[in-house]
Protein backbone atom coordinates (compact mmCIF):
# COMPACT_ATOMS: atom_id res chain seq x y z
CA MET A 1 55.90 -147.25 -78.33
CA ASN A 2 56.45 -143.63 -79.26
CA SER A 3 54.07 -141.17 -77.57
CA PRO A 4 55.03 -137.62 -77.38
CA ILE A 5 51.66 -136.38 -76.55
CA GLU A 6 50.91 -134.61 -73.18
CA ASN A 7 47.25 -134.26 -73.28
CA THR A 8 46.56 -138.05 -73.61
CA ASP A 9 43.22 -138.07 -72.42
CA THR A 10 41.86 -135.97 -75.35
CA ILE A 11 40.06 -138.03 -77.90
CA LYS A 12 37.97 -136.14 -80.54
CA CYS A 13 37.14 -136.76 -84.07
CA ASP A 14 33.93 -135.10 -85.34
CA THR A 15 34.76 -135.57 -89.02
CA GLU A 16 37.09 -136.92 -91.56
CA TYR A 17 38.61 -133.52 -92.47
CA ASP A 18 38.96 -131.20 -89.30
CA THR A 19 42.58 -130.45 -88.44
CA LEU A 20 44.30 -133.61 -87.55
CA GLN A 21 46.32 -133.14 -84.35
CA ARG A 22 47.21 -136.77 -83.29
CA VAL A 23 47.15 -139.96 -85.21
CA ILE A 24 48.26 -143.58 -84.67
CA LEU A 25 50.77 -145.44 -87.24
CA CYS A 26 52.64 -148.49 -87.45
CA GLN A 27 55.75 -149.04 -89.48
CA PRO A 28 55.53 -151.76 -92.00
CA LYS A 29 58.69 -153.50 -90.76
CA PHE A 30 57.26 -157.00 -91.24
CA MET A 31 54.90 -156.17 -94.05
CA ALA A 32 54.06 -159.11 -96.59
CA ILE A 33 51.47 -160.83 -98.45
CA ASP A 34 51.43 -164.01 -96.43
CA GLU A 35 47.69 -164.82 -96.91
CA VAL A 36 45.61 -163.14 -99.77
CA ILE A 37 42.65 -161.31 -98.20
CA ASN A 38 41.55 -158.84 -100.97
CA ALA A 39 41.89 -158.45 -104.76
CA VAL A 40 44.72 -155.90 -104.76
CA GLN A 41 46.98 -158.52 -102.88
CA LYS A 42 46.06 -161.31 -105.32
CA GLU A 43 47.44 -159.04 -108.06
CA TYR A 44 50.82 -158.73 -106.17
CA GLU A 45 50.95 -162.07 -104.46
CA ASP A 46 53.89 -163.31 -106.36
CA GLU A 47 55.78 -160.16 -106.46
CA ASN A 48 55.07 -159.46 -102.76
CA ILE A 49 56.31 -156.47 -100.70
CA ASN A 50 59.75 -154.76 -100.77
CA VAL A 51 59.99 -154.10 -97.10
CA GLY A 52 62.79 -151.53 -97.40
CA LEU A 53 60.85 -149.64 -100.03
CA ALA A 54 57.64 -149.71 -98.02
CA MET A 55 59.63 -148.41 -94.79
CA LYS A 56 61.12 -145.62 -96.86
CA GLN A 57 57.63 -144.54 -98.28
CA HIS A 58 56.09 -144.70 -94.87
CA LYS A 59 58.86 -142.66 -93.32
CA GLU A 60 58.11 -139.87 -95.74
CA PHE A 61 54.47 -139.94 -94.99
CA GLU A 62 55.20 -139.83 -91.19
CA GLU A 63 57.63 -136.89 -91.65
CA LEU A 64 55.25 -134.89 -93.70
CA LEU A 65 52.62 -135.40 -91.14
CA ILE A 66 54.88 -134.02 -88.48
CA GLU A 67 55.91 -131.16 -90.85
CA HIS A 68 52.34 -130.19 -91.03
CA GLY A 69 51.94 -130.14 -87.27
CA VAL A 70 50.56 -133.66 -86.50
CA GLU A 71 51.78 -135.56 -83.62
CA VAL A 72 52.47 -139.06 -84.47
CA ILE A 73 51.98 -142.24 -82.08
CA LYS A 74 53.64 -145.22 -83.11
CA LEU A 75 52.54 -148.65 -82.28
CA PRO A 76 55.30 -151.31 -82.11
CA SER A 77 55.51 -153.58 -85.12
CA SER A 78 55.30 -157.30 -84.69
CA GLU A 79 56.66 -160.11 -86.88
CA GLN A 80 53.34 -161.87 -86.14
CA PHE A 81 51.20 -159.42 -88.01
CA PRO A 82 52.28 -158.63 -91.75
CA GLU A 83 49.16 -156.22 -92.19
CA GLN A 84 49.78 -154.03 -89.07
CA VAL A 85 50.75 -150.95 -91.11
CA PHE A 86 46.91 -150.47 -91.57
CA THR A 87 46.06 -149.01 -88.25
CA ARG A 88 42.91 -147.52 -89.40
CA ASP A 89 41.08 -150.94 -89.12
CA ILE A 90 42.03 -151.78 -85.57
CA GLY A 91 39.92 -148.95 -83.92
CA PHE A 92 38.23 -145.79 -84.56
CA ALA A 93 37.36 -142.60 -82.75
CA VAL A 94 33.81 -141.03 -82.98
CA GLY A 95 33.27 -137.62 -81.10
CA ASP A 96 34.95 -138.25 -77.79
CA ASP A 97 34.64 -141.98 -77.83
CA ILE A 98 37.15 -144.44 -78.89
CA PHE A 99 36.53 -148.00 -80.00
CA VAL A 100 38.78 -150.97 -80.33
CA ALA A 101 37.81 -153.13 -83.28
CA GLU A 102 36.91 -156.73 -83.62
CA MET A 103 38.92 -157.89 -86.54
CA ALA A 104 37.20 -160.23 -89.11
CA SER A 105 40.22 -161.77 -90.70
CA ASP A 106 42.17 -164.44 -88.87
CA ILE A 107 45.63 -163.03 -90.01
CA ARG A 108 44.73 -159.82 -88.49
CA LYS A 109 43.23 -160.90 -85.18
CA GLY A 110 45.45 -159.64 -82.30
CA GLU A 111 46.60 -156.53 -83.93
CA GLU A 112 44.12 -154.59 -81.91
CA GLU A 113 46.10 -155.55 -78.62
CA ALA A 114 48.87 -153.10 -79.32
CA LEU A 115 46.27 -150.36 -79.44
CA GLU A 116 44.51 -151.44 -76.23
CA GLU A 117 48.00 -151.43 -74.36
CA TRP A 118 48.73 -147.91 -75.44
CA LEU A 119 45.11 -146.70 -74.50
CA GLU A 120 45.63 -148.38 -71.15
CA GLU A 121 49.23 -146.86 -70.60
CA GLU A 122 47.68 -143.50 -71.44
CA ASP A 123 44.80 -143.99 -69.14
CA ILE A 124 42.39 -143.48 -71.96
CA SER A 125 39.06 -145.32 -71.46
CA PHE A 126 37.83 -147.20 -74.61
CA GLN A 127 35.01 -149.49 -75.75
CA THR A 128 35.55 -152.83 -77.48
CA THR A 129 33.30 -153.56 -80.32
CA THR A 130 31.58 -156.79 -80.86
CA ASN A 131 29.93 -158.50 -83.91
CA ARG A 132 32.82 -157.87 -86.27
CA VAL A 133 33.60 -154.15 -87.13
CA GLU A 134 36.81 -152.62 -88.68
CA GLY A 135 37.65 -149.02 -88.88
CA GLY A 136 38.10 -148.82 -92.57
CA ASP A 137 34.26 -149.25 -92.67
CA VAL A 138 33.38 -146.25 -90.33
CA ILE A 139 33.31 -142.86 -91.71
CA VAL A 140 32.14 -139.89 -89.55
CA ASP A 141 30.65 -136.60 -90.54
CA ARG A 142 29.54 -134.47 -87.66
CA GLY A 143 26.44 -136.19 -86.22
CA THR A 144 26.36 -138.91 -89.08
CA LEU A 145 28.19 -142.16 -89.09
CA TYR A 146 28.55 -144.22 -92.33
CA VAL A 147 29.01 -147.78 -91.63
CA GLY A 148 30.21 -150.10 -94.48
CA ILE A 149 28.54 -153.60 -94.52
CA SER A 150 30.59 -156.27 -95.86
CA SER A 151 32.54 -159.31 -94.87
CA ARG A 152 34.67 -157.14 -92.51
CA THR A 153 31.78 -155.31 -90.76
CA SER A 154 28.44 -156.75 -90.01
CA ILE A 155 24.98 -155.09 -89.82
CA GLU A 156 24.83 -156.35 -86.10
CA ALA A 157 27.80 -154.28 -85.51
CA ALA A 158 26.18 -151.33 -87.05
CA GLU A 159 23.19 -151.81 -84.98
CA LYS A 160 25.44 -151.98 -81.84
CA LEU A 161 27.05 -148.74 -82.63
CA ASN A 162 23.43 -147.25 -83.03
CA ALA A 163 22.86 -148.22 -79.31
CA ASP A 164 26.38 -147.05 -78.13
CA LEU A 165 26.10 -143.66 -80.05
CA PRO A 166 22.81 -142.50 -79.42
CA ASP A 167 23.61 -138.86 -80.53
CA TYR A 168 24.66 -140.14 -84.07
CA THR A 169 22.58 -141.10 -87.07
CA ILE A 170 24.04 -144.39 -88.20
CA ILE A 171 23.68 -145.10 -91.86
CA PRO A 172 24.62 -148.75 -93.00
CA VAL A 173 26.15 -148.73 -96.45
CA PRO A 174 26.43 -151.92 -98.04
CA PHE A 175 28.79 -152.27 -100.84
CA ASP A 176 30.63 -154.89 -102.90
CA GLU A 177 32.88 -156.54 -100.50
CA LYS A 178 35.43 -157.35 -103.13
CA TYR A 179 36.62 -153.76 -102.43
CA LEU A 180 37.39 -154.77 -98.77
CA HIS A 181 36.39 -151.61 -96.77
CA LEU A 182 34.08 -148.61 -97.27
CA ASP A 183 36.87 -146.16 -97.37
CA CYS A 184 38.24 -147.92 -100.55
CA VAL A 185 35.09 -146.79 -102.30
CA PHE A 186 33.71 -143.65 -100.61
CA ASN A 187 35.46 -140.85 -98.54
CA ILE A 188 34.72 -137.41 -97.40
CA LEU A 189 37.12 -134.33 -97.97
CA SER A 190 34.80 -131.53 -96.53
CA PRO A 191 31.40 -130.82 -95.62
CA GLU A 192 30.52 -130.35 -99.25
CA VAL A 193 33.04 -132.63 -101.16
CA GLY A 194 33.43 -136.41 -101.27
CA LEU A 195 35.12 -139.13 -103.40
CA ILE A 196 33.17 -142.13 -104.57
CA PHE A 197 33.60 -145.31 -106.80
CA PRO A 198 30.12 -145.69 -107.86
CA LYS A 199 30.34 -149.16 -109.35
CA ALA A 200 30.97 -150.68 -105.88
CA LEU A 201 27.70 -149.33 -104.47
CA ASP A 202 23.93 -149.72 -105.17
CA PRO A 203 22.49 -146.84 -107.06
CA GLU A 204 20.25 -145.80 -104.23
CA VAL A 205 23.18 -145.40 -101.92
CA VAL A 206 24.85 -143.33 -104.69
CA ASP A 207 21.84 -141.04 -105.10
CA MET A 208 21.76 -140.62 -101.16
CA LEU A 209 25.36 -139.61 -101.05
CA SER A 210 25.07 -137.51 -104.08
CA ALA A 211 22.34 -135.58 -102.35
CA LYS A 212 24.70 -134.83 -99.33
CA TYR A 213 27.96 -134.26 -101.26
CA LYS A 214 29.48 -132.94 -104.43
CA LEU A 215 31.05 -136.32 -105.51
CA ILE A 216 34.18 -136.81 -107.38
CA GLU A 217 33.93 -140.13 -109.23
CA VAL A 218 37.00 -142.24 -109.13
CA SER A 219 37.70 -144.53 -112.18
CA GLU A 220 38.22 -148.24 -111.87
CA GLU A 221 41.90 -147.84 -112.69
CA GLU A 222 42.42 -145.15 -109.99
CA GLN A 223 40.20 -147.16 -107.45
CA PHE A 224 42.65 -149.96 -107.76
CA THR A 225 45.54 -147.71 -107.03
CA MET A 226 43.43 -146.51 -103.85
CA GLY A 227 42.13 -143.24 -105.37
CA THR A 228 39.53 -142.89 -102.72
CA ASN A 229 41.56 -143.70 -99.85
CA VAL A 230 43.19 -140.39 -99.33
CA LEU A 231 43.79 -138.83 -95.85
CA SER A 232 42.52 -135.30 -95.26
CA ILE A 233 44.61 -133.47 -92.48
CA GLY A 234 42.43 -130.17 -92.39
CA ASN A 235 42.50 -126.78 -93.95
CA LYS A 236 41.70 -128.36 -97.17
CA LYS A 237 45.00 -130.59 -97.18
CA VAL A 238 44.84 -134.08 -98.58
CA PHE A 239 47.34 -136.90 -98.94
CA SER A 240 47.15 -138.73 -102.05
CA LEU A 241 49.34 -140.61 -104.56
CA PRO A 242 50.97 -139.06 -107.29
CA GLN A 243 49.90 -142.11 -109.61
CA ASN A 244 46.47 -140.97 -109.24
CA LYS A 245 46.65 -138.08 -111.66
CA ARG A 246 42.93 -137.76 -112.71
CA VAL A 247 41.50 -137.75 -108.91
CA ASN A 248 44.20 -135.45 -107.91
CA ALA A 249 43.41 -132.93 -110.68
CA GLN A 250 39.72 -133.15 -109.70
CA ILE A 251 40.41 -132.68 -105.91
CA ARG A 252 42.55 -129.62 -106.80
CA ALA A 253 39.82 -128.20 -108.93
CA GLN A 254 37.72 -128.18 -105.76
CA GLY A 255 40.25 -125.80 -104.19
CA PHE A 256 42.27 -128.45 -102.19
CA GLU A 257 46.09 -128.74 -101.71
CA VAL A 258 46.93 -132.22 -102.68
CA ILE A 259 50.17 -133.54 -100.80
CA GLU A 260 51.54 -136.23 -103.07
CA VAL A 261 53.59 -139.25 -101.48
CA ASP A 262 54.60 -142.43 -103.42
CA PHE A 263 52.89 -145.08 -101.53
CA SER A 264 53.13 -147.48 -104.38
CA GLU A 265 54.67 -150.26 -102.49
CA ILE A 266 52.33 -150.16 -99.47
CA ILE A 267 49.30 -150.15 -101.68
CA LYS A 268 50.02 -153.64 -102.95
CA SER A 269 48.62 -154.96 -99.96
CA GLY A 270 45.16 -153.05 -100.55
CA GLY A 271 45.53 -149.67 -98.63
CA SER A 272 46.72 -146.27 -98.68
CA PHE A 273 47.02 -143.11 -96.68
CA ARG A 274 43.50 -143.53 -94.68
CA CYS A 275 44.10 -147.17 -94.13
CA CYS A 276 47.52 -146.49 -92.57
CA SER A 277 46.40 -143.80 -90.05
CA MET A 278 44.07 -143.89 -87.24
CA PRO A 279 43.10 -140.35 -86.17
CA VAL A 280 42.55 -139.90 -82.42
CA ASN A 281 42.31 -136.14 -82.36
CA ARG A 282 41.07 -133.52 -84.74
CA GLU A 283 40.15 -129.95 -84.08
């Protein structure tokens, strides 16, 4: 387990866009579509994953994070967990609290144990969620927490977070569970700008989010290639796939720098840069 961090007791994530300082990754050494659990995997089930290419793409992502001043913690890869590259789902930090998730899919249950071990080794206190919640459904923006409600995260889990985080306004966001996690259809780039795939959300929800953010609409084609699942690292810098040309152009038009990394092999399993990263400290 790679952990070069000295101030290991620091947990802070108030937004999706403050400067990223520490992040948890896991290499896709054993990545495979062993059991189809989303629509994107269904498309690539027969083709499956080229692990060598996935490792190369993930390494470039990691190196660029480090180049931009981010300290990377790497959890150990296990042959038991073919989805382990998607570290976002196994936990999430909100403010100075960190939660270890309760995974919904049987094929992913147990992934969170590597996170628990790292937190215990670093003497970082954490809470364990109940009632089924995954980090891809949790999006924080200052005092507001958007919680996607689907087959992966329950309304009961959102209610429990409401009790656990009394200083936050918890907003449950139901969406079409075909799209797996909330961050596959909605994301926040800055206090003013967000990304949305409106087809997956009720019109009332789209109106509510439109009142808070200038929303860049992602097309159905680019949603499939994870156009909303970008990773903001602060200072208006965003990781995105080069294949998503339209959404990248629109992000740039809002004054952002887009860092393009080919993640085409990894997205075959239904997740991109946000899914593959679990921030533990932003400043």
